[in-house]
Amino acid sequence: MASQEITPANRIRELNDISTGIAETLRHMGQAINALSSNAQEGGDSMAARKETFDEHSKTAYAGIQAFQAKMRRQAYALEEAGIIAPEALSLSATNTQQQARGGLAGGRGAVPPPAVVVEPDRIINGGLGHLDVGWLNSRGNKVGVEKEAELLHEAKALLQAAADRKRTAGAVG
């Protein structure tokens, strides 16, 4: 089977479909919750009808969540293949799930030690700034301090000028 080239327009369409799917999933979740609420009881529906409505909408919502996860995983894999993001690192929850599937968590019978997490040199560091220390840069910028010092000097000069003027007027009067 020949692989089809996926264009950016196709990716955008897929993301739009994901967005639409999320809205539908949320609508089904809301309808499932409404079936259990006191407002639904006032509508006169029987308990069996409300239960059936809840089951129907909750199953549809669950299927929507699973579809969302699968589509987002495909998007992440596509970004990895394109070299836009680094391959996914093992997360704690993924490691726990794998260990449970193999026979339990650490300390239990048949436990498998967790796989070592490999540090990748191509990982994004410091939000994409690399080893650049923003705090160091900010500490070197003294614009605020210089401006405040100028304000204080101006106020001190004005106070001294006012005191000198009062002294002159007091000496001239007396």
N, C-alpha and C. Protein backbone atom coordinates (compact mmCIF):
# COMPACT_ATOMS: atom_id res chain seq x y z
N MET A 1 0.85 -1.17 0.00
CA MET A 1 0.00 0.00 0.00
C MET A 1 0.89 1.23 0.00
N ALA A 2 0.74 2.11 -0.95
CA ALA A 2 1.56 3.30 -1.08
C ALA A 2 1.13 4.33 -0.03
N SER A 3 2.14 4.96 0.58
CA SER A 3 1.79 5.96 1.58
C SER A 3 1.47 7.28 0.88
N GLN A 4 0.44 7.91 1.35
CA GLN A 4 -0.04 9.14 0.75
C GLN A 4 0.67 10.31 1.43
N GLU A 5 1.14 11.28 0.64
CA GLU A 5 1.79 12.45 1.21
C GLU A 5 0.74 13.33 1.89
N ILE A 6 1.05 13.74 3.09
CA ILE A 6 0.11 14.54 3.85
C ILE A 6 0.60 15.98 3.83
N THR A 7 -0.25 16.86 3.36
CA THR A 7 0.10 18.27 3.23
C THR A 7 -0.31 19.04 4.48
N PRO A 8 0.23 20.24 4.65
CA PRO A 8 -0.20 21.07 5.78
C PRO A 8 -1.71 21.33 5.77
N ALA A 9 -2.29 21.45 4.58
CA ALA A 9 -3.74 21.67 4.51
C ALA A 9 -4.49 20.46 5.07
N ASN A 10 -3.97 19.26 4.79
CA ASN A 10 -4.60 18.05 5.35
C ASN A 10 -4.49 18.05 6.87
N ARG A 11 -3.34 18.45 7.38
CA ARG A 11 -3.15 18.50 8.84
C ARG A 11 -4.12 19.49 9.47
N ILE A 12 -4.29 20.62 8.82
CA ILE A 12 -5.22 21.63 9.35
C ILE A 12 -6.65 21.09 9.33
N ARG A 13 -7.02 20.38 8.26
CA ARG A 13 -8.34 19.77 8.18
C ARG A 13 -8.52 18.76 9.31
N GLU A 14 -7.48 17.95 9.56
CA GLU A 14 -7.56 16.96 10.63
C GLU A 14 -7.73 17.64 11.99
N LEU A 15 -7.00 18.73 12.23
CA LEU A 15 -7.14 19.46 13.49
C LEU A 15 -8.53 20.07 13.61
N ASN A 16 -9.09 20.53 12.52
CA ASN A 16 -10.46 21.06 12.53
C ASN A 16 -11.45 19.95 12.87
N ASP A 17 -11.23 18.76 12.31
CA ASP A 17 -12.09 17.62 12.64
C ASP A 17 -11.99 17.26 14.12
N ILE A 18 -10.77 17.34 14.65
CA ILE A 18 -10.58 17.06 16.08
C ILE A 18 -11.36 18.08 16.90
N SER A 19 -11.28 19.33 16.53
CA SER A 19 -12.00 20.39 17.25
C SER A 19 -13.50 20.16 17.21
N THR A 20 -14.01 19.80 16.05
CA THR A 20 -15.43 19.52 15.91
C THR A 20 -15.82 18.31 16.76
N GLY A 21 -14.95 17.30 16.76
CA GLY A 21 -15.21 16.10 17.56
C GLY A 21 -15.26 16.39 19.04
N ILE A 22 -14.41 17.30 19.50
CA ILE A 22 -14.42 17.68 20.92
C ILE A 22 -15.74 18.34 21.28
N ALA A 23 -16.21 19.22 20.41
CA ALA A 23 -17.49 19.89 20.67
C ALA A 23 -18.62 18.87 20.75
N GLU A 24 -18.62 17.91 19.85
CA GLU A 24 -19.66 16.87 19.87
C GLU A 24 -19.56 16.03 21.15
N THR A 25 -18.33 15.68 21.53
CA THR A 25 -18.13 14.89 22.75
C THR A 25 -18.65 15.64 23.97
N LEU A 26 -18.34 16.93 24.05
CA LEU A 26 -18.82 17.73 25.17
C LEU A 26 -20.34 17.83 25.17
N ARG A 27 -20.94 17.92 23.99
CA ARG A 27 -22.40 17.97 23.90
C ARG A 27 -23.00 16.67 24.44
N HIS A 28 -22.40 15.53 24.07
CA HIS A 28 -22.91 14.24 24.56
C HIS A 28 -22.71 14.11 26.07
N MET A 29 -21.58 14.62 26.58
CA MET A 29 -21.36 14.59 28.03
C MET A 29 -22.43 15.40 28.75
N GLY A 30 -22.73 16.58 28.21
CA GLY A 30 -23.76 17.42 28.80
C GLY A 30 -25.12 16.76 28.79
N GLN A 31 -25.45 16.11 27.69
CA GLN A 31 -26.75 15.43 27.61
C GLN A 31 -26.81 14.23 28.56
N ALA A 32 -25.67 13.55 28.74
CA ALA A 32 -25.65 12.44 29.69
C ALA A 32 -25.87 12.95 31.11
N ILE A 33 -25.24 14.06 31.45
CA ILE A 33 -25.41 14.64 32.78
C ILE A 33 -26.83 15.16 32.96
N ASN A 34 -27.38 15.78 31.92
CA ASN A 34 -28.77 16.27 32.00
C ASN A 34 -29.75 15.13 32.24
N ALA A 35 -29.46 13.96 31.71
CA ALA A 35 -30.36 12.82 31.91
C ALA A 35 -30.42 12.43 33.39
N LEU A 36 -29.38 12.75 34.14
CA LEU A 36 -29.34 12.41 35.56
C LEU A 36 -29.81 13.56 36.46
N SER A 37 -29.95 14.74 35.91
CA SER A 37 -30.25 15.90 36.74
C SER A 37 -31.72 15.96 37.14
N SER A 38 -32.00 16.84 38.09
CA SER A 38 -33.38 17.00 38.56
C SER A 38 -34.25 17.63 37.48
N ASN A 39 -33.67 18.39 36.57
CA ASN A 39 -34.45 18.98 35.46
C ASN A 39 -35.04 17.88 34.58
N ALA A 40 -34.30 16.80 34.38
CA ALA A 40 -34.80 15.70 33.56
C ALA A 40 -35.95 15.00 34.26
N GLN A 41 -35.92 14.96 35.59
CA GLN A 41 -36.98 14.29 36.34
C GLN A 41 -38.29 15.07 36.22
N GLU A 42 -38.19 16.40 36.11
CA GLU A 42 -39.39 17.22 35.99
C GLU A 42 -40.03 17.07 34.61
N GLY A 43 -39.26 16.61 33.62
CA GLY A 43 -39.77 16.44 32.27
C GLY A 43 -40.77 15.31 32.15
N GLY A 44 -40.83 14.43 33.12
CA GLY A 44 -41.79 13.35 33.10
C GLY A 44 -41.26 12.07 32.47
N ASP A 45 -39.99 12.04 32.03
CA ASP A 45 -39.44 10.81 31.47
C ASP A 45 -39.32 9.76 32.57
N SER A 46 -39.50 8.52 32.18
CA SER A 46 -39.38 7.44 33.16
C SER A 46 -37.91 7.23 33.51
N MET A 47 -37.69 6.56 34.60
CA MET A 47 -36.32 6.28 35.05
C MET A 47 -35.59 5.43 34.02
N ALA A 48 -36.26 4.47 33.42
CA ALA A 48 -35.63 3.61 32.42
C ALA A 48 -35.23 4.41 31.18
N ALA A 49 -36.07 5.36 30.76
CA ALA A 49 -35.76 6.18 29.59
C ALA A 49 -34.56 7.08 29.87
N ARG A 50 -34.52 7.65 31.08
CA ARG A 50 -33.38 8.50 31.43
C ARG A 50 -32.10 7.69 31.52
N LYS A 51 -32.19 6.48 32.06
CA LYS A 51 -31.01 5.62 32.16
C LYS A 51 -30.52 5.26 30.76
N GLU A 52 -31.43 4.96 29.87
CA GLU A 52 -31.06 4.61 28.49
C GLU A 52 -30.41 5.82 27.80
N THR A 53 -30.97 7.00 28.03
CA THR A 53 -30.40 8.23 27.45
C THR A 53 -28.99 8.46 27.99
N PHE A 54 -28.83 8.28 29.31
CA PHE A 54 -27.51 8.44 29.91
C PHE A 54 -26.52 7.45 29.31
N ASP A 55 -26.90 6.18 29.25
CA ASP A 55 -26.00 5.16 28.70
C ASP A 55 -25.60 5.48 27.26
N GLU A 56 -26.57 5.87 26.46
CA GLU A 56 -26.31 6.17 25.05
C GLU A 56 -25.32 7.33 24.90
N HIS A 57 -25.58 8.42 25.63
CA HIS A 57 -24.71 9.60 25.50
C HIS A 57 -23.35 9.38 26.15
N SER A 58 -23.30 8.65 27.26
CA SER A 58 -22.00 8.42 27.89
C SER A 58 -21.13 7.50 27.03
N LYS A 59 -21.74 6.51 26.38
CA LYS A 59 -20.96 5.64 25.48
C LYS A 59 -20.45 6.43 24.28
N THR A 60 -21.28 7.29 23.74
CA THR A 60 -20.86 8.12 22.60
C THR A 60 -19.75 9.08 23.03
N ALA A 61 -19.87 9.65 24.23
CA ALA A 61 -18.83 10.56 24.72
C ALA A 61 -17.52 9.81 24.93
N TYR A 62 -17.60 8.61 25.49
CA TYR A 62 -16.39 7.81 25.72
C TYR A 62 -15.72 7.47 24.39
N ALA A 63 -16.52 7.12 23.39
CA ALA A 63 -15.96 6.83 22.06
C ALA A 63 -15.32 8.09 21.47
N GLY A 64 -15.92 9.23 21.71
CA GLY A 64 -15.34 10.50 21.24
C GLY A 64 -14.01 10.80 21.90
N ILE A 65 -13.91 10.50 23.19
CA ILE A 65 -12.65 10.71 23.91
C ILE A 65 -11.57 9.80 23.35
N GLN A 66 -11.92 8.55 23.10
CA GLN A 66 -10.94 7.61 22.53
C GLN A 66 -10.51 8.06 21.14
N ALA A 67 -11.43 8.54 20.33
CA ALA A 67 -11.09 9.03 18.99
C ALA A 67 -10.18 10.24 19.09
N PHE A 68 -10.47 11.13 20.04
CA PHE A 68 -9.63 12.31 20.25
C PHE A 68 -8.20 11.90 20.60
N GLN A 69 -8.06 10.95 21.52
CA GLN A 69 -6.72 10.49 21.90
C GLN A 69 -5.97 9.91 20.71
N ALA A 70 -6.65 9.10 19.92
CA ALA A 70 -6.00 8.48 18.77
C ALA A 70 -5.58 9.53 17.74
N LYS A 71 -6.45 10.50 17.48
CA LYS A 71 -6.13 11.54 16.49
C LYS A 71 -4.99 12.42 16.97
N MET A 72 -4.99 12.77 18.25
CA MET A 72 -3.91 13.60 18.78
C MET A 72 -2.59 12.83 18.78
N ARG A 73 -2.64 11.54 19.06
CA ARG A 73 -1.43 10.72 19.00
C ARG A 73 -0.88 10.71 17.58
N ARG A 74 -1.77 10.59 16.58
CA ARG A 74 -1.33 10.63 15.18
C ARG A 74 -0.69 11.97 14.85
N GLN A 75 -1.27 13.05 15.35
CA GLN A 75 -0.69 14.37 15.11
C GLN A 75 0.70 14.49 15.74
N ALA A 76 0.84 13.96 16.96
CA ALA A 76 2.14 14.01 17.62
C ALA A 76 3.17 13.19 16.86
N TYR A 77 2.78 12.01 16.39
CA TYR A 77 3.71 11.19 15.61
C TYR A 77 4.11 11.90 14.32
N ALA A 78 3.17 12.57 13.70
CA ALA A 78 3.49 13.30 12.46
C ALA A 78 4.47 14.43 12.74
N LEU A 79 4.29 15.12 13.87
CA LEU A 79 5.23 16.18 14.24
C LEU A 79 6.61 15.61 14.54
N GLU A 80 6.66 14.44 15.17
CA GLU A 80 7.94 13.79 15.44
C GLU A 80 8.63 13.39 14.14
N GLU A 81 7.86 12.82 13.21
CA GLU A 81 8.43 12.40 11.93
C GLU A 81 8.95 13.59 11.14
N ALA A 82 8.29 14.73 11.26
CA ALA A 82 8.72 15.93 10.55
C ALA A 82 9.90 16.60 11.24
N GLY A 83 10.26 16.12 12.44
CA GLY A 83 11.37 16.70 13.17
C GLY A 83 11.03 18.00 13.88
N ILE A 84 9.75 18.28 14.02
CA ILE A 84 9.32 19.52 14.67
C ILE A 84 9.42 19.40 16.19
N ILE A 85 9.08 18.22 16.71
CA ILE A 85 9.23 17.97 18.14
C ILE A 85 10.09 16.74 18.32
N ALA A 86 10.70 16.62 19.50
CA ALA A 86 11.53 15.46 19.80
C ALA A 86 10.63 14.26 20.08
N PRO A 87 11.13 13.04 19.86
CA PRO A 87 10.33 11.86 20.17
C PRO A 87 9.89 11.88 21.62
N GLU A 88 8.73 11.29 21.85
CA GLU A 88 8.11 11.31 23.17
C GLU A 88 8.98 10.59 24.19
N ALA A 89 9.21 11.24 25.34
CA ALA A 89 9.95 10.63 26.43
C ALA A 89 8.97 9.81 27.27
N LEU A 90 9.49 8.82 27.98
CA LEU A 90 8.63 8.01 28.84
C LEU A 90 8.11 8.86 29.98
N SER A 91 6.84 8.79 30.22
CA SER A 91 6.25 9.51 31.33
C SER A 91 6.00 8.53 32.46
N LEU A 92 5.76 9.05 33.65
CA LEU A 92 5.53 8.20 34.81
C LEU A 92 4.30 7.32 34.59
N SER A 93 3.22 7.87 34.06
CA SER A 93 2.01 7.08 33.89
C SER A 93 2.21 6.00 32.83
N ALA A 94 2.95 6.31 31.77
CA ALA A 94 3.22 5.30 30.74
C ALA A 94 4.07 4.18 31.32
N THR A 95 5.04 4.53 32.15
CA THR A 95 5.90 3.53 32.76
C THR A 95 5.10 2.64 33.70
N ASN A 96 4.22 3.24 34.52
CA ASN A 96 3.39 2.45 35.43
C ASN A 96 2.48 1.51 34.67
N THR A 97 1.89 1.98 33.58
CA THR A 97 1.00 1.14 32.78
C THR A 97 1.76 -0.03 32.19
N GLN A 98 2.97 0.22 31.69
CA GLN A 98 3.77 -0.86 31.12
C GLN A 98 4.15 -1.87 32.20
N GLN A 99 4.50 -1.40 33.39
CA GLN A 99 4.89 -2.31 34.46
C GLN A 99 3.70 -3.14 34.92
N GLN A 100 2.53 -2.54 35.00
CA GLN A 100 1.35 -3.29 35.41
C GLN A 100 1.05 -4.37 34.39
N ALA A 101 1.24 -4.07 33.13
CA ALA A 101 0.99 -5.06 32.08
C ALA A 101 1.99 -6.21 32.16
N ARG A 102 3.20 -5.94 32.66
CA ARG A 102 4.23 -6.98 32.76
C ARG A 102 4.13 -7.79 34.04
N GLY A 103 3.33 -7.34 34.98
CA GLY A 103 3.20 -8.14 36.18
C GLY A 103 3.24 -7.37 37.47
N GLY A 104 3.12 -6.09 37.44
CA GLY A 104 3.02 -5.33 38.66
C GLY A 104 4.02 -4.21 38.73
N LEU A 105 3.84 -3.39 39.77
CA LEU A 105 4.74 -2.27 40.00
C LEU A 105 5.93 -2.72 40.81
N ALA A 106 6.90 -1.85 40.96
CA ALA A 106 8.13 -2.17 41.69
C ALA A 106 7.79 -2.63 43.10
N GLY A 107 8.50 -3.64 43.56
CA GLY A 107 8.26 -4.18 44.89
C GLY A 107 7.31 -5.35 44.87
N GLY A 108 6.54 -5.51 43.84
CA GLY A 108 5.60 -6.62 43.73
C GLY A 108 6.27 -7.82 43.08
N ARG A 109 5.58 -8.93 43.10
CA ARG A 109 6.10 -10.14 42.48
C ARG A 109 6.12 -9.98 40.96
N GLY A 110 7.20 -10.35 40.33
CA GLY A 110 7.32 -10.26 38.88
C GLY A 110 7.54 -8.84 38.41
N ALA A 111 7.97 -7.97 39.32
CA ALA A 111 8.16 -6.58 38.95
C ALA A 111 9.37 -6.43 38.05
N VAL A 112 9.25 -5.54 37.12
CA VAL A 112 10.33 -5.26 36.20
C VAL A 112 10.86 -3.88 36.54
N PRO A 113 12.18 -3.71 36.63
CA PRO A 113 12.69 -2.38 36.95
C PRO A 113 12.30 -1.39 35.85
N PRO A 114 12.06 -0.13 36.22
CA PRO A 114 11.64 0.85 35.22
C PRO A 114 12.75 1.09 34.22
N PRO A 115 12.37 1.31 32.96
CA PRO A 115 13.40 1.58 31.96
C PRO A 115 14.08 2.91 32.24
N ALA A 116 15.36 2.97 31.95
CA ALA A 116 16.11 4.20 32.17
C ALA A 116 15.67 5.24 31.15
N VAL A 117 15.47 6.45 31.63
CA VAL A 117 15.09 7.54 30.75
C VAL A 117 16.37 8.10 30.15
N VAL A 118 16.42 8.15 28.84
CA VAL A 118 17.60 8.63 28.15
C VAL A 118 17.47 10.14 27.95
N VAL A 119 18.52 10.86 28.32
CA VAL A 119 18.53 12.29 28.12
C VAL A 119 18.93 12.56 26.68
N GLU A 120 18.11 13.28 25.98
CA GLU A 120 18.37 13.55 24.57
C GLU A 120 18.96 14.94 24.41
N PRO A 121 20.07 15.07 23.70
CA PRO A 121 20.68 16.38 23.55
C PRO A 121 19.85 17.35 22.71
N ASP A 122 18.92 16.83 21.91
CA ASP A 122 18.11 17.69 21.05
C ASP A 122 16.86 18.21 21.74
N ARG A 123 16.69 17.90 23.02
CA ARG A 123 15.50 18.33 23.74
C ARG A 123 15.49 19.85 23.89
N ILE A 124 14.30 20.39 23.98
CA ILE A 124 14.15 21.83 24.18
C ILE A 124 14.53 22.13 25.62
N ILE A 125 15.41 23.09 25.80
CA ILE A 125 15.89 23.46 27.13
C ILE A 125 15.47 24.89 27.41
N ASN A 126 14.98 25.13 28.61
CA ASN A 126 14.66 26.47 29.08
C ASN A 126 13.69 27.18 28.14
N GLY A 127 12.64 26.47 27.73
CA GLY A 127 11.62 27.07 26.88
C GLY A 127 12.11 27.46 25.50
N GLY A 128 13.13 26.79 25.01
CA GLY A 128 13.65 27.08 23.68
C GLY A 128 14.78 28.10 23.71
N LEU A 129 15.13 28.60 24.89
CA LEU A 129 16.21 29.57 24.99
C LEU A 129 17.56 28.91 25.19
N GLY A 130 17.58 27.59 25.30
CA GLY A 130 18.85 26.89 25.50
C GLY A 130 19.40 27.17 26.88
N HIS A 131 20.68 27.44 26.94
CA HIS A 131 21.33 27.68 28.23
C HIS A 131 21.39 29.17 28.56
N LEU A 132 20.63 29.98 27.86
CA LEU A 132 20.57 31.40 28.11
C LEU A 132 19.80 31.64 29.40
N ASP A 133 20.41 32.33 30.34
CA ASP A 133 19.78 32.59 31.63
C ASP A 133 19.12 33.97 31.59
N VAL A 134 17.81 33.98 31.52
CA VAL A 134 17.07 35.23 31.42
C VAL A 134 17.25 36.05 32.69
N GLY A 135 17.32 35.40 33.84
CA GLY A 135 17.53 36.12 35.09
C GLY A 135 18.84 36.88 35.09
N TRP A 136 19.87 36.28 34.53
CA TRP A 136 21.17 36.95 34.45
C TRP A 136 21.06 38.19 33.57
N LEU A 137 20.36 38.05 32.43
CA LEU A 137 20.18 39.20 31.55
C LEU A 137 19.41 40.31 32.24
N ASN A 138 18.36 39.95 32.95
CA ASN A 138 17.55 40.95 33.64
C ASN A 138 18.34 41.65 34.73
N SER A 139 19.22 40.93 35.40
CA SER A 139 20.01 41.55 36.47
C SER A 139 21.00 42.55 35.91
N ARG A 140 21.35 42.43 34.64
CA ARG A 140 22.30 43.36 34.03
C ARG A 140 21.61 44.62 33.51
N GLY A 141 20.33 44.58 33.37
CA GLY A 141 19.58 45.75 32.90
C GLY A 141 19.29 46.65 34.09
N ASN A 142 19.80 47.87 34.10
CA ASN A 142 19.67 48.74 35.25
C ASN A 142 18.87 50.00 34.92
N LYS A 143 18.05 49.93 33.90
CA LYS A 143 17.30 51.10 33.47
C LYS A 143 16.39 51.63 34.57
N VAL A 144 15.70 50.73 35.25
CA VAL A 144 14.76 51.15 36.30
C VAL A 144 15.52 51.82 37.44
N GLY A 145 16.65 51.25 37.84
CA GLY A 145 17.43 51.83 38.92
C GLY A 145 17.96 53.21 38.59
N VAL A 146 18.42 53.39 37.37
CA VAL A 146 18.95 54.69 36.95
C VAL A 146 17.83 55.73 36.92
N GLU A 147 16.66 55.34 36.41
CA GLU A 147 15.53 56.27 36.36
C GLU A 147 15.08 56.68 37.76
N LYS A 148 15.02 55.71 38.68
CA LYS A 148 14.59 56.01 40.05
C LYS A 148 15.61 56.91 40.74
N GLU A 149 16.89 56.65 40.50
CA GLU A 149 17.94 57.48 41.09
C GLU A 149 17.82 58.93 40.58
N ALA A 150 17.54 59.10 39.29
CA ALA A 150 17.37 60.44 38.73
C ALA A 150 16.17 61.14 39.36
N GLU A 151 15.07 60.41 39.58
CA GLU A 151 13.89 60.99 40.22
C GLU A 151 14.22 61.45 41.64
N LEU A 152 14.91 60.60 42.39
CA LEU A 152 15.26 60.95 43.78
C LEU A 152 16.20 62.14 43.83
N LEU A 153 17.17 62.20 42.92
CA LEU A 153 18.08 63.35 42.88
C LEU A 153 17.31 64.63 42.55
N HIS A 154 16.36 64.55 41.64
CA HIS A 154 15.55 65.71 41.28
C HIS A 154 14.72 66.18 42.48
N GLU A 155 14.11 65.23 43.21
CA GLU A 155 13.33 65.59 44.40
C GLU A 155 14.23 66.20 45.48
N ALA A 156 15.42 65.62 45.68
CA ALA A 156 16.35 66.15 46.69
C ALA A 156 16.78 67.56 46.32
N LYS A 157 17.06 67.78 45.04
CA LYS A 157 17.47 69.11 44.58
C LYS A 157 16.34 70.12 44.82
N ALA A 158 15.10 69.70 44.54
CA ALA A 158 13.96 70.59 44.75
C ALA A 158 13.79 70.91 46.23
N LEU A 159 13.96 69.92 47.11
CA LEU A 159 13.85 70.16 48.56
C LEU A 159 14.94 71.10 49.04
N LEU A 160 16.18 70.88 48.58
CA LEU A 160 17.28 71.75 48.99
C LEU A 160 17.07 73.18 48.47
N GLN A 161 16.58 73.28 47.25
CA GLN A 161 16.31 74.60 46.67
C GLN A 161 15.24 75.32 47.48
N ALA A 162 14.19 74.59 47.87
CA ALA A 162 13.12 75.19 48.67
C ALA A 162 13.64 75.61 50.03
N ALA A 163 14.49 74.79 50.66
CA ALA A 163 15.06 75.13 51.96
C ALA A 163 15.96 76.36 51.84
N ALA A 164 16.75 76.43 50.78
CA ALA A 164 17.64 77.59 50.57
C ALA A 164 16.82 78.85 50.34
N ASP A 165 15.74 78.74 49.58
CA ASP A 165 14.87 79.89 49.33
C ASP A 165 14.22 80.38 50.62
N ARG A 166 13.78 79.46 51.47
CA ARG A 166 13.17 79.84 52.75
C ARG A 166 14.19 80.53 53.64
N LYS A 167 15.42 80.02 53.61
CA LYS A 167 16.47 80.60 54.44
C LYS A 167 16.78 82.02 53.97
N ARG A 168 16.83 82.23 52.64
CA ARG A 168 17.11 83.55 52.10
C ARG A 168 15.98 84.52 52.45
N THR A 169 14.74 84.06 52.30
CA THR A 169 13.62 84.95 52.60
C THR A 169 13.54 85.24 54.09
N ALA A 170 13.90 84.29 54.93
CA ALA A 170 13.89 84.50 56.38
C ALA A 170 15.01 85.46 56.76
N GLY A 171 16.17 85.38 56.10
CA GLY A 171 17.30 86.28 56.38
C GLY A 171 17.04 87.67 55.86
N ALA A 172 16.33 87.80 54.77
CA ALA A 172 16.05 89.10 54.19
C ALA A 172 14.97 89.83 54.99
N VAL A 173 14.05 89.10 55.56
CA VAL A 173 12.96 89.69 56.32
C VAL A 173 13.48 90.12 57.69
N GLY A 174 14.30 89.31 58.34
CA GLY A 174 14.72 89.54 59.71
C GLY A 174 15.84 90.42 59.83
